Amino acid sequence: MALKIIWSELAESELDDIYEFYEKIASIKVAKKLVNAIINEPNKLIKTPEIGEKEPFLKHREIEYRYLVFRNYKLIYSVDYKKGCIKIADVFDTRQNPINLNRTK
């Protein structure tokens, strides 16, 4: 069974924030291109779900979180083989303090 990519509400909210920011400082075209690229980045996880490193700032959690880096963003995710999905939990701007990964927005 192929794994399916799903996005958490927090991750979707972060994508909206990224879009709005780049729409203001650059253009709609730039915002769309960046957000689409971020959305497509996790597709590589379908074949190799554990390619990302374990997220050290979330190692105290029960669920094991891993991450991919795309430009200035960490895509934090977990793999649930029983449910057949890869959940993108957060899109985190790496220019922030890493302690902010523990936020619940």
PDB file of N, CA and C in Angstrom:
ATOM      1  N   MET A   1       0.836  -1.181   0.000  1.00  0.00           N
ATOM      2  CA  MET A   1       0.000   0.000   0.000  1.00  0.00           C
ATOM      3  C   MET A   1       0.882   1.245   0.000  1.00  0.00           C
ATOM      4  N   ALA A   2       0.618   2.133  -0.928  1.00  0.00           N
ATOM      5  CA  ALA A   2       1.387   3.377  -1.014  1.00  0.00           C
ATOM      6  C   ALA A   2       0.953   4.327   0.107  1.00  0.00           C
ATOM      7  N   LEU A   3       1.923   5.018   0.650  1.00  0.00           N
ATOM      8  CA  LEU A   3       1.632   6.004   1.688  1.00  0.00           C
ATOM      9  C   LEU A   3       1.047   7.257   1.071  1.00  0.00           C
ATOM     10  N   LYS A   4       0.157   7.890   1.807  1.00  0.00           N
ATOM     11  CA  LYS A   4      -0.507   9.098   1.352  1.00  0.00           C
ATOM     12  C   LYS A   4       0.005  10.277   2.180  1.00  0.00           C
ATOM     13  N   ILE A   5       0.213  11.416   1.542  1.00  0.00           N
ATOM     14  CA  ILE A   5       0.642  12.636   2.238  1.00  0.00           C
ATOM     15  C   ILE A   5      -0.608  13.380   2.722  1.00  0.00           C
ATOM     16  N   ILE A   6      -0.630  13.704   4.016  1.00  0.00           N
ATOM     17  CA  ILE A   6      -1.695  14.545   4.546  1.00  0.00           C
ATOM     18  C   ILE A   6      -1.054  15.717   5.289  1.00  0.00           C
ATOM     19  N   TRP A   7      -1.768  16.820   5.347  1.00  0.00           N
ATOM     20  CA  TRP A   7      -1.254  18.044   5.967  1.00  0.00           C
ATOM     21  C   TRP A   7      -2.089  18.382   7.196  1.00  0.00           C
ATOM     22  N   SER A   8      -1.439  18.709   8.292  1.00  0.00           N
ATOM     23  CA  SER A   8      -2.149  19.131   9.499  1.00  0.00           C
ATOM     24  C   SER A   8      -2.698  20.542   9.315  1.00  0.00           C
ATOM     25  N   GLU A   9      -3.613  20.919  10.188  1.00  0.00           N
ATOM     26  CA  GLU A   9      -4.148  22.285  10.140  1.00  0.00           C
ATOM     27  C   GLU A   9      -3.039  23.306  10.373  1.00  0.00           C
ATOM     28  N   LEU A  10      -2.127  22.996  11.293  1.00  0.00           N
ATOM     29  CA  LEU A  10      -1.011  23.907  11.571  1.00  0.00           C
ATOM     30  C   LEU A  10      -0.150  24.094  10.326  1.00  0.00           C
ATOM     31  N   ALA A  11       0.187  23.003   9.652  1.00  0.00           N
ATOM     32  CA  ALA A  11       1.012  23.091   8.443  1.00  0.00           C
ATOM     33  C   ALA A  11       0.303  23.892   7.352  1.00  0.00           C
ATOM     34  N   GLU A  12      -0.988  23.656   7.179  1.00  0.00           N
ATOM     35  CA  GLU A  12      -1.744  24.414   6.177  1.00  0.00           C
ATOM     36  C   GLU A  12      -1.797  25.899   6.531  1.00  0.00           C
ATOM     37  N   SER A  13      -1.950  26.193   7.813  1.00  0.00           N
ATOM     38  CA  SER A  13      -1.963  27.581   8.262  1.00  0.00           C
ATOM     39  C   SER A  13      -0.622  28.261   7.984  1.00  0.00           C
ATOM     40  N   GLU A  14       0.465  27.532   8.210  1.00  0.00           N
ATOM     41  CA  GLU A  14       1.797  28.068   7.933  1.00  0.00           C
ATOM     42  C   GLU A  14       1.969  28.337   6.440  1.00  0.00           C
ATOM     43  N   LEU A  15       1.458  27.445   5.599  1.00  0.00           N
ATOM     44  CA  LEU A  15       1.526  27.665   4.150  1.00  0.00           C
ATOM     45  C   LEU A  15       0.762  28.929   3.765  1.00  0.00           C
ATOM     46  N   ASP A  16      -0.397  29.123   4.384  1.00  0.00           N
ATOM     47  CA  ASP A  16      -1.171  30.345   4.121  1.00  0.00           C
ATOM     48  C   ASP A  16      -0.375  31.584   4.515  1.00  0.00           C
ATOM     49  N   ASP A  17       0.281  31.527   5.673  1.00  0.00           N
ATOM     50  CA  ASP A  17       1.090  32.663   6.141  1.00  0.00           C
ATOM     51  C   ASP A  17       2.255  32.946   5.191  1.00  0.00           C
ATOM     52  N   ILE A  18       2.901  31.887   4.726  1.00  0.00           N
ATOM     53  CA  ILE A  18       4.021  32.039   3.786  1.00  0.00           C
ATOM     54  C   ILE A  18       3.524  32.688   2.495  1.00  0.00           C
ATOM     55  N   TYR A  19       2.395  32.198   1.995  1.00  0.00           N
ATOM     56  CA  TYR A  19       1.820  32.756   0.773  1.00  0.00           C
ATOM     57  C   TYR A  19       1.528  34.249   0.941  1.00  0.00           C
ATOM     58  N   GLU A  20       0.841  34.593   2.022  1.00  0.00           N
ATOM     59  CA  GLU A  20       0.471  35.993   2.254  1.00  0.00           C
ATOM     60  C   GLU A  20       1.700  36.886   2.378  1.00  0.00           C
ATOM     61  N   PHE A  21       2.734  36.391   3.048  1.00  0.00           N
ATOM     62  CA  PHE A  21       3.958  37.173   3.217  1.00  0.00           C
ATOM     63  C   PHE A  21       4.608  37.459   1.863  1.00  0.00           C
ATOM     64  N   TYR A  22       4.801  36.412   1.058  1.00  0.00           N
ATOM     65  CA  TYR A  22       5.477  36.606  -0.230  1.00  0.00           C
ATOM     66  C   TYR A  22       4.604  37.337  -1.247  1.00  0.00           C
ATOM     67  N   GLU A  23       3.301  37.227  -1.093  1.00  0.00           N
ATOM     68  CA  GLU A  23       2.411  37.995  -1.963  1.00  0.00           C
ATOM     69  C   GLU A  23       2.599  39.499  -1.703  1.00  0.00           C
ATOM     70  N   LYS A  24       2.797  39.867  -0.437  1.00  0.00           N
ATOM     71  CA  LYS A  24       2.983  41.272  -0.068  1.00  0.00           C
ATOM     72  C   LYS A  24       4.358  41.804  -0.461  1.00  0.00           C
ATOM     73  N   ILE A  25       5.406  41.025  -0.189  1.00  0.00           N
ATOM     74  CA  ILE A  25       6.757  41.554  -0.420  1.00  0.00           C
ATOM     75  C   ILE A  25       7.279  41.305  -1.834  1.00  0.00           C
ATOM     76  N   ALA A  26       6.657  40.368  -2.546  1.00  0.00           N
ATOM     77  CA  ALA A  26       7.134  40.062  -3.899  1.00  0.00           C
ATOM     78  C   ALA A  26       5.969  40.168  -4.884  1.00  0.00           C
ATOM     79  N   SER A  27       5.296  39.040  -5.113  1.00  0.00           N
ATOM     80  CA  SER A  27       4.160  39.031  -6.048  1.00  0.00           C
ATOM     81  C   SER A  27       3.351  37.757  -5.845  1.00  0.00           C
ATOM     82  N   ILE A  28       2.184  37.738  -6.453  1.00  0.00           N
ATOM     83  CA  ILE A  28       1.348  36.527  -6.405  1.00  0.00           C
ATOM     84  C   ILE A  28       2.088  35.366  -7.065  1.00  0.00           C
ATOM     85  N   LYS A  29       2.772  35.646  -8.156  1.00  0.00           N
ATOM     86  CA  LYS A  29       3.502  34.611  -8.894  1.00  0.00           C
ATOM     87  C   LYS A  29       4.584  33.975  -8.017  1.00  0.00           C
ATOM     88  N   VAL A  30       5.343  34.800  -7.326  1.00  0.00           N
ATOM     89  CA  VAL A  30       6.408  34.301  -6.448  1.00  0.00           C
ATOM     90  C   VAL A  30       5.797  33.493  -5.306  1.00  0.00           C
ATOM     91  N   ALA A  31       4.722  34.007  -4.711  1.00  0.00           N
ATOM     92  CA  ALA A  31       4.062  33.321  -3.591  1.00  0.00           C
ATOM     93  C   ALA A  31       3.547  31.944  -4.024  1.00  0.00           C
ATOM     94  N   LYS A  32       2.880  31.882  -5.167  1.00  0.00           N
ATOM     95  CA  LYS A  32       2.357  30.608  -5.671  1.00  0.00           C
ATOM     96  C   LYS A  32       3.473  29.615  -5.957  1.00  0.00           C
ATOM     97  N   LYS A  33       4.530  30.104  -6.585  1.00  0.00           N
ATOM     98  CA  LYS A  33       5.644  29.229  -6.943  1.00  0.00           C
ATOM     99  C   LYS A  33       6.295  28.627  -5.698  1.00  0.00           C
ATOM    100  N   LEU A  34       6.524  29.448  -4.683  1.00  0.00           N
ATOM    101  CA  LEU A  34       7.149  28.956  -3.456  1.00  0.00           C
ATOM    102  C   LEU A  34       6.249  27.969  -2.726  1.00  0.00           C
ATOM    103  N   VAL A  35       4.989  28.316  -2.537  1.00  0.00           N
ATOM    104  CA  VAL A  35       4.078  27.430  -1.805  1.00  0.00           C
ATOM    105  C   VAL A  35       3.878  26.118  -2.563  1.00  0.00           C
ATOM    106  N   ASN A  36       3.749  26.172  -3.869  1.00  0.00           N
ATOM    107  CA  ASN A  36       3.622  24.933  -4.653  1.00  0.00           C
ATOM    108  C   ASN A  36       4.863  24.064  -4.525  1.00  0.00           C
ATOM    109  N   ALA A  37       6.025  24.682  -4.508  1.00  0.00           N
ATOM    110  CA  ALA A  37       7.270  23.922  -4.349  1.00  0.00           C
ATOM    111  C   ALA A  37       7.328  23.260  -2.971  1.00  0.00           C
ATOM    112  N   ILE A  38       6.901  23.980  -1.944  1.00  0.00           N
ATOM    113  CA  ILE A  38       6.868  23.401  -0.589  1.00  0.00           C
ATOM    114  C   ILE A  38       5.892  22.229  -0.553  1.00  0.00           C
ATOM    115  N   ILE A  39       4.724  22.390  -1.159  1.00  0.00           N
ATOM    116  CA  ILE A  39       3.714  21.327  -1.172  1.00  0.00           C
ATOM    117  C   ILE A  39       4.218  20.081  -1.899  1.00  0.00           C
ATOM    118  N   ASN A  40       5.002  20.259  -2.949  1.00  0.00           N
ATOM    119  CA  ASN A  40       5.509  19.121  -3.723  1.00  0.00           C
ATOM    120  C   ASN A  40       6.716  18.437  -3.097  1.00  0.00           C
ATOM    121  N   GLU A  41       7.425  19.130  -2.231  1.00  0.00           N
ATOM    122  CA  GLU A  41       8.653  18.584  -1.638  1.00  0.00           C
ATOM    123  C   GLU A  41       8.443  17.237  -0.930  1.00  0.00           C
ATOM    124  N   PRO A  42       7.386  17.050  -0.143  1.00  0.00           N
ATOM    125  CA  PRO A  42       7.227  15.770   0.551  1.00  0.00           C
ATOM    126  C   PRO A  42       6.897  14.575  -0.335  1.00  0.00           C
ATOM    127  N   ASN A  43       6.627  14.790  -1.614  1.00  0.00           N
ATOM    128  CA  ASN A  43       6.316  13.664  -2.498  1.00  0.00           C
ATOM    129  C   ASN A  43       7.437  12.631  -2.531  1.00  0.00           C
ATOM    130  N   LYS A  44       8.672  13.066  -2.302  1.00  0.00           N
ATOM    131  CA  LYS A  44       9.794  12.124  -2.286  1.00  0.00           C
ATOM    132  C   LYS A  44       9.703  11.143  -1.115  1.00  0.00           C
ATOM    133  N   LEU A  45       8.905  11.490  -0.104  1.00  0.00           N
ATOM    134  CA  LEU A  45       8.754  10.626   1.068  1.00  0.00           C
ATOM    135  C   LEU A  45       7.922   9.381   0.783  1.00  0.00           C
ATOM    136  N   ILE A  46       7.121   9.420  -0.255  1.00  0.00           N
ATOM    137  CA  ILE A  46       6.264   8.280  -0.567  1.00  0.00           C
ATOM    138  C   ILE A  46       7.090   7.024  -0.813  1.00  0.00           C
ATOM    139  N   LYS A  47       8.203   7.165  -1.499  1.00  0.00           N
ATOM    140  CA  LYS A  47       9.076   6.014  -1.763  1.00  0.00           C
ATOM    141  C   LYS A  47      10.062   5.745  -0.634  1.00  0.00           C
ATOM    142  N   THR A  48      10.521   6.808   0.019  1.00  0.00           N
ATOM    143  CA  THR A  48      11.516   6.659   1.090  1.00  0.00           C
ATOM    144  C   THR A  48      11.101   7.512   2.296  1.00  0.00           C
ATOM    145  N   PRO A  49      10.105   7.046   3.063  1.00  0.00           N
ATOM    146  CA  PRO A  49       9.530   7.871   4.129  1.00  0.00           C
ATOM    147  C   PRO A  49      10.481   8.227   5.269  1.00  0.00           C
ATOM    148  N   GLU A  50      11.515   7.468   5.454  1.00  0.00           N
ATOM    149  CA  GLU A  50      12.416   7.750   6.570  1.00  0.00           C
ATOM    150  C   GLU A  50      13.697   8.453   6.115  1.00  0.00           C
ATOM    151  N   ILE A  51      13.631   9.102   4.971  1.00  0.00           N
ATOM    152  CA  ILE A  51      14.792   9.806   4.437  1.00  0.00           C
ATOM    153  C   ILE A  51      15.179  11.011   5.301  1.00  0.00           C
ATOM    154  N   GLY A  52      14.182  11.623   5.923  1.00  0.00           N
ATOM    155  CA  GLY A  52      14.446  12.794   6.753  1.00  0.00           C
ATOM    156  C   GLY A  52      15.079  12.417   8.080  1.00  0.00           C
ATOM    157  N   GLU A  53      15.882  13.339   8.601  1.00  0.00           N
ATOM    158  CA  GLU A  53      16.504  13.107   9.904  1.00  0.00           C
ATOM    159  C   GLU A  53      15.470  13.272  11.002  1.00  0.00           C
ATOM    160  N   LYS A  54      15.735  12.654  12.150  1.00  0.00           N
ATOM    161  CA  LYS A  54      14.856  12.819  13.308  1.00  0.00           C
ATOM    162  C   LYS A  54      14.989  14.247  13.824  1.00  0.00           C
ATOM    163  N   GLU A  55      13.865  14.844  14.186  1.00  0.00           N
ATOM    164  CA  GLU A  55      13.848  16.224  14.673  1.00  0.00           C
ATOM    165  C   GLU A  55      14.273  16.239  16.147  1.00  0.00           C
ATOM    166  N   PRO A  56      15.469  16.782  16.432  1.00  0.00           N
ATOM    167  CA  PRO A  56      15.981  16.751  17.810  1.00  0.00           C
ATOM    168  C   PRO A  56      15.158  17.576  18.801  1.00  0.00           C
ATOM    169  N   PHE A  57      14.516  18.639  18.361  1.00  0.00           N
ATOM    170  CA  PHE A  57      13.742  19.478  19.274  1.00  0.00           C
ATOM    171  C   PHE A  57      12.395  18.862  19.648  1.00  0.00           C
ATOM    172  N   LEU A  58      12.030  17.771  18.974  1.00  0.00           N
ATOM    173  CA  LEU A  58      10.764  17.100  19.285  1.00  0.00           C
ATOM    174  C   LEU A  58      10.979  15.656  19.728  1.00  0.00           C
ATOM    175  N   LYS A  59      12.197  15.319  20.101  1.00  0.00           N
ATOM    176  CA  LYS A  59      12.498  13.925  20.462  1.00  0.00           C
ATOM    177  C   LYS A  59      11.810  13.469  21.741  1.00  0.00           C
ATOM    178  N   HIS A  60      11.339  14.400  22.563  1.00  0.00           N
ATOM    179  CA  HIS A  60      10.646  14.045  23.797  1.00  0.00           C
ATOM    180  C   HIS A  60       9.186  13.631  23.552  1.00  0.00           C
ATOM    181  N   ARG A  61       8.697  13.813  22.359  1.00  0.00           N
ATOM    182  CA  ARG A  61       7.314  13.470  22.018  1.00  0.00           C
ATOM    183  C   ARG A  61       7.173  11.963  21.808  1.00  0.00           C
ATOM    184  N   GLU A  62       5.979  11.467  22.001  1.00  0.00           N
ATOM    185  CA  GLU A  62       5.700  10.045  21.814  1.00  0.00           C
ATOM    186  C   GLU A  62       5.835   9.650  20.342  1.00  0.00           C
ATOM    187  N   ILE A  63       5.330  10.517  19.461  1.00  0.00           N
ATOM    188  CA  ILE A  63       5.426  10.277  18.019  1.00  0.00           C
ATOM    189  C   ILE A  63       6.827  10.687  17.557  1.00  0.00           C
ATOM    190  N   GLU A  64       7.417   9.883  16.675  1.00  0.00           N
ATOM    191  CA  GLU A  64       8.727  10.226  16.127  1.00  0.00           C
ATOM    192  C   GLU A  64       8.544  11.194  14.965  1.00  0.00           C
ATOM    193  N   TYR A  65       9.144  12.361  15.098  1.00  0.00           N
ATOM    194  CA  TYR A  65       9.078  13.369  14.043  1.00  0.00           C
ATOM    195  C   TYR A  65      10.401  13.429  13.306  1.00  0.00           C
ATOM    196  N   ARG A  66      10.291  13.581  12.015  1.00  0.00           N
ATOM    197  CA  ARG A  66      11.439  13.747  11.137  1.00  0.00           C
ATOM    198  C   ARG A  66      11.253  15.044  10.366  1.00  0.00           C
ATOM    199  N   TYR A  67      12.265  15.416   9.596  1.00  0.00           N
ATOM    200  CA  TYR A  67      12.116  16.648   8.826  1.00  0.00           C
ATOM    201  C   TYR A  67      12.864  16.593   7.505  1.00  0.00           C
ATOM    202  N   LEU A  68      12.343  17.379   6.579  1.00  0.00           N
ATOM    203  CA  LEU A  68      13.012  17.683   5.314  1.00  0.00           C
ATOM    204  C   LEU A  68      13.288  19.172   5.325  1.00  0.00           C
ATOM    205  N   VAL A  69      14.378  19.575   4.708  1.00  0.00           N
ATOM    206  CA  VAL A  69      14.658  21.000   4.578  1.00  0.00           C
ATOM    207  C   VAL A  69      14.440  21.400   3.124  1.00  0.00           C
ATOM    208  N   PHE A  70      13.658  22.450   2.956  1.00  0.00           N
ATOM    209  CA  PHE A  70      13.430  23.019   1.632  1.00  0.00           C
ATOM    210  C   PHE A  70      13.624  24.523   1.752  1.00  0.00           C
ATOM    211  N   ARG A  71      14.663  25.026   1.123  1.00  0.00           N
ATOM    212  CA  ARG A  71      15.044  26.438   1.225  1.00  0.00           C
ATOM    213  C   ARG A  71      15.179  26.826   2.691  1.00  0.00           C
ATOM    214  N   ASN A  72      14.374  27.788   3.162  1.00  0.00           N
ATOM    215  CA  ASN A  72      14.455  28.216   4.566  1.00  0.00           C
ATOM    216  C   ASN A  72      13.448  27.512   5.461  1.00  0.00           C
ATOM    217  N   TYR A  73      12.874  26.429   5.000  1.00  0.00           N
ATOM    218  CA  TYR A  73      11.779  25.797   5.731  1.00  0.00           C
ATOM    219  C   TYR A  73      12.087  24.347   6.082  1.00  0.00           C
ATOM    220  N   LYS A  74      11.693  23.983   7.291  1.00  0.00           N
ATOM    221  CA  LYS A  74      11.730  22.600   7.726  1.00  0.00           C
ATOM    222  C   LYS A  74      10.312  22.073   7.612  1.00  0.00           C
ATOM    223  N   LEU A  75      10.156  20.974   6.920  1.00  0.00           N
ATOM    224  CA  LEU A  75       8.866  20.306   6.850  1.00  0.00           C
ATOM    225  C   LEU A  75       8.920  19.166   7.858  1.00  0.00           C
ATOM    226  N   ILE A  76       8.232  19.366   8.970  1.00  0.00           N
ATOM    227  CA  ILE A  76       8.232  18.406  10.062  1.00  0.00           C
ATOM    228  C   ILE A  76       7.137  17.381   9.774  1.00  0.00           C
ATOM    229  N   TYR A  77       7.486  16.089   9.847  1.00  0.00           N
ATOM    230  CA  TYR A  77       6.505  15.064   9.514  1.00  0.00           C
ATOM    231  C   TYR A  77       6.665  13.827  10.376  1.00  0.00           C
ATOM    232  N   SER A  78       5.609  13.016  10.369  1.00  0.00           N
ATOM    233  CA  SER A  78       5.650  11.710  11.018  1.00  0.00           C
ATOM    234  C   SER A  78       5.095  10.691  10.036  1.00  0.00           C
ATOM    235  N   VAL A  79       5.476   9.443  10.234  1.00  0.00           N
ATOM    236  CA  VAL A  79       5.020   8.365   9.361  1.00  0.00           C
ATOM    237  C   VAL A  79       4.151   7.418  10.190  1.00  0.00           C
ATOM    238  N   ASP A  80       2.963   7.133   9.691  1.00  0.00           N
ATOM    239  CA  ASP A  80       2.058   6.192  10.351  1.00  0.00           C
ATOM    240  C   ASP A  80       1.782   5.060   9.372  1.00  0.00           C
ATOM    241  N   TYR A  81       2.538   3.974   9.521  1.00  0.00           N
ATOM    242  CA  TYR A  81       2.399   2.853   8.599  1.00  0.00           C
ATOM    243  C   TYR A  81       1.043   2.163   8.747  1.00  0.00           C
ATOM    244  N   LYS A  82       0.499   2.137   9.963  1.00  0.00           N
ATOM    245  CA  LYS A  82      -0.798   1.487  10.185  1.00  0.00           C
ATOM    246  C   LYS A  82      -1.907   2.199   9.421  1.00  0.00           C
ATOM    247  N   LYS A  83      -1.879   3.527   9.430  1.00  0.00           N
ATOM    248  CA  LYS A  83      -2.897   4.307   8.718  1.00  0.00           C
ATOM    249  C   LYS A  83      -2.503   4.574   7.270  1.00  0.00           C
ATOM    250  N   GLY A  84      -1.275   4.226   6.907  1.00  0.00           N
ATOM    251  CA  GLY A  84      -0.823   4.404   5.527  1.00  0.00           C
ATOM    252  C   GLY A  84      -0.616   5.843   5.130  1.00  0.00           C
ATOM    253  N   CYS A  85      -0.111   6.663   6.076  1.00  0.00           N
ATOM    254  CA  CYS A  85       0.047   8.076   5.738  1.00  0.00           C
ATOM    255  C   CYS A  85       1.332   8.681   6.305  1.00  0.00           C
ATOM    256  N   ILE A  86       1.705   9.755   5.670  1.00  0.00           N
ATOM    257  CA  ILE A  86       2.783  10.619   6.134  1.00  0.00           C
ATOM    258  C   ILE A  86       2.113  11.941   6.450  1.00  0.00           C
ATOM    259  N   LYS A  87       2.192  12.350   7.709  1.00  0.00           N
ATOM    260  CA  LYS A  87       1.520  13.579   8.122  1.00  0.00           C
ATOM    261  C   LYS A  87       2.534  14.708   8.226  1.00  0.00           C
ATOM    262  N   ILE A  88       2.322  15.739   7.431  1.00  0.00           N
ATOM    263  CA  ILE A  88       3.143  16.936   7.526  1.00  0.00           C
ATOM    264  C   ILE A  88       2.559  17.740   8.685  1.00  0.00           C
ATOM    265  N   ALA A  89       3.278  17.781   9.788  1.00  0.00           N
ATOM    266  CA  ALA A  89       2.776  18.388  11.019  1.00  0.00           C
ATOM    267  C   ALA A  89       3.004  19.895  11.054  1.00  0.00           C
ATOM    268  N   ASP A  90       4.093  20.353  10.422  1.00  0.00           N
ATOM    269  CA  ASP A  90       4.442  21.763  10.513  1.00  0.00           C
ATOM    270  C   ASP A  90       5.349  22.146   9.354  1.00  0.00           C
ATOM    271  N   VAL A  91       5.281  23.397   8.982  1.00  0.00           N
ATOM    272  CA  VAL A  91       6.232  23.994   8.041  1.00  0.00           C
ATOM    273  C   VAL A  91       6.877  25.111   8.841  1.00  0.00           C
ATOM    274  N   PHE A  92       8.119  24.910   9.205  1.00  0.00           N
ATOM    275  CA  PHE A  92       8.794  25.790  10.157  1.00  0.00           C
ATOM    276  C   PHE A  92       9.883  26.593   9.465  1.00  0.00           C
ATOM    277  N   ASP A  93       9.824  27.903   9.602  1.00  0.00           N
ATOM    278  CA  ASP A  93      10.847  28.787   9.040  1.00  0.00           C
ATOM    279  C   ASP A  93      12.100  28.659   9.898  1.00  0.00           C
ATOM    280  N   THR A  94      13.179  28.201   9.305  1.00  0.00           N
ATOM    281  CA  THR A  94      14.413  27.938  10.058  1.00  0.00           C
ATOM    282  C   THR A  94      15.111  29.197  10.532  1.00  0.00           C
ATOM    283  N   ARG A  95      14.608  30.356  10.132  1.00  0.00           N
ATOM    284  CA  ARG A  95      15.191  31.603  10.614  1.00  0.00           C
ATOM    285  C   ARG A  95      14.626  31.983  11.980  1.00  0.00           C
ATOM    286  N   GLN A  96      13.691  31.187  12.494  1.00  0.00           N
ATOM    287  CA  GLN A  96      13.129  31.400  13.824  1.00  0.00           C
ATOM    288  C   GLN A  96      13.961  30.653  14.860  1.00  0.00           C
ATOM    289  N   ASN A  97      13.709  30.968  16.114  1.00  0.00           N
ATOM    290  CA  ASN A  97      14.335  30.250  17.213  1.00  0.00           C
ATOM    291  C   ASN A  97      13.794  28.817  17.215  1.00  0.00           C
ATOM    292  N   PRO A  98      14.662  27.802  17.218  1.00  0.00           N
ATOM    293  CA  PRO A  98      14.201  26.411  17.181  1.00  0.00           C
ATOM    294  C   PRO A  98      13.279  26.030  18.345  1.00  0.00           C
ATOM    295  N   ILE A  99      13.380  26.726  19.448  1.00  0.00           N
ATOM    296  CA  ILE A  99      12.495  26.455  20.582  1.00  0.00           C
ATOM    297  C   ILE A  99      11.031  26.642  20.172  1.00  0.00           C
ATOM    298  N   ASN A 100      10.774  27.489  19.187  1.00  0.00           N
ATOM    299  CA  ASN A 100       9.412  27.736  18.718  1.00  0.00           C
ATOM    300  C   ASN A 100       8.768  26.512  18.069  1.00  0.00           C
ATOM    301  N   LEU A 101       9.534  25.462  17.813  1.00  0.00           N
ATOM    302  CA  LEU A 101       8.960  24.246  17.269  1.00  0.00           C
ATOM    303  C   LEU A 101       7.958  23.625  18.229  1.00  0.00           C
ATOM    304  N   ASN A 102       8.081  23.931  19.486  1.00  0.00           N
ATOM    305  CA  ASN A 102       7.161  23.377  20.486  1.00  0.00           C
ATOM    306  C   ASN A 102       5.859  24.144  20.577  1.00  0.00           C
ATOM    307  N   ARG A 103       5.636  25.095  19.685  1.00  0.00           N
ATOM    308  CA  ARG A 103       4.405  25.886  19.740  1.00  0.00           C
ATOM    309  C   ARG A 103       3.208  25.032  19.322  1.00  0.00           C
ATOM    310  N   THR A 104       2.050  25.514  19.680  1.00  0.00           N
ATOM    311  CA  THR A 104       0.821  24.826  19.290  1.00  0.00           C
ATOM    312  C   THR A 104      -0.119  25.770  18.555  1.00  0.00           C
ATOM    313  N   LYS A 105       0.324  26.919  18.180  1.00  0.00           N
ATOM    314  CA  LYS A 105      -0.360  27.980  17.444  1.00  0.00           C
ATOM    315  C   LYS A 105      -1.803  28.173  17.766  1.00  0.00           C
TER     316      LYS A 105
END
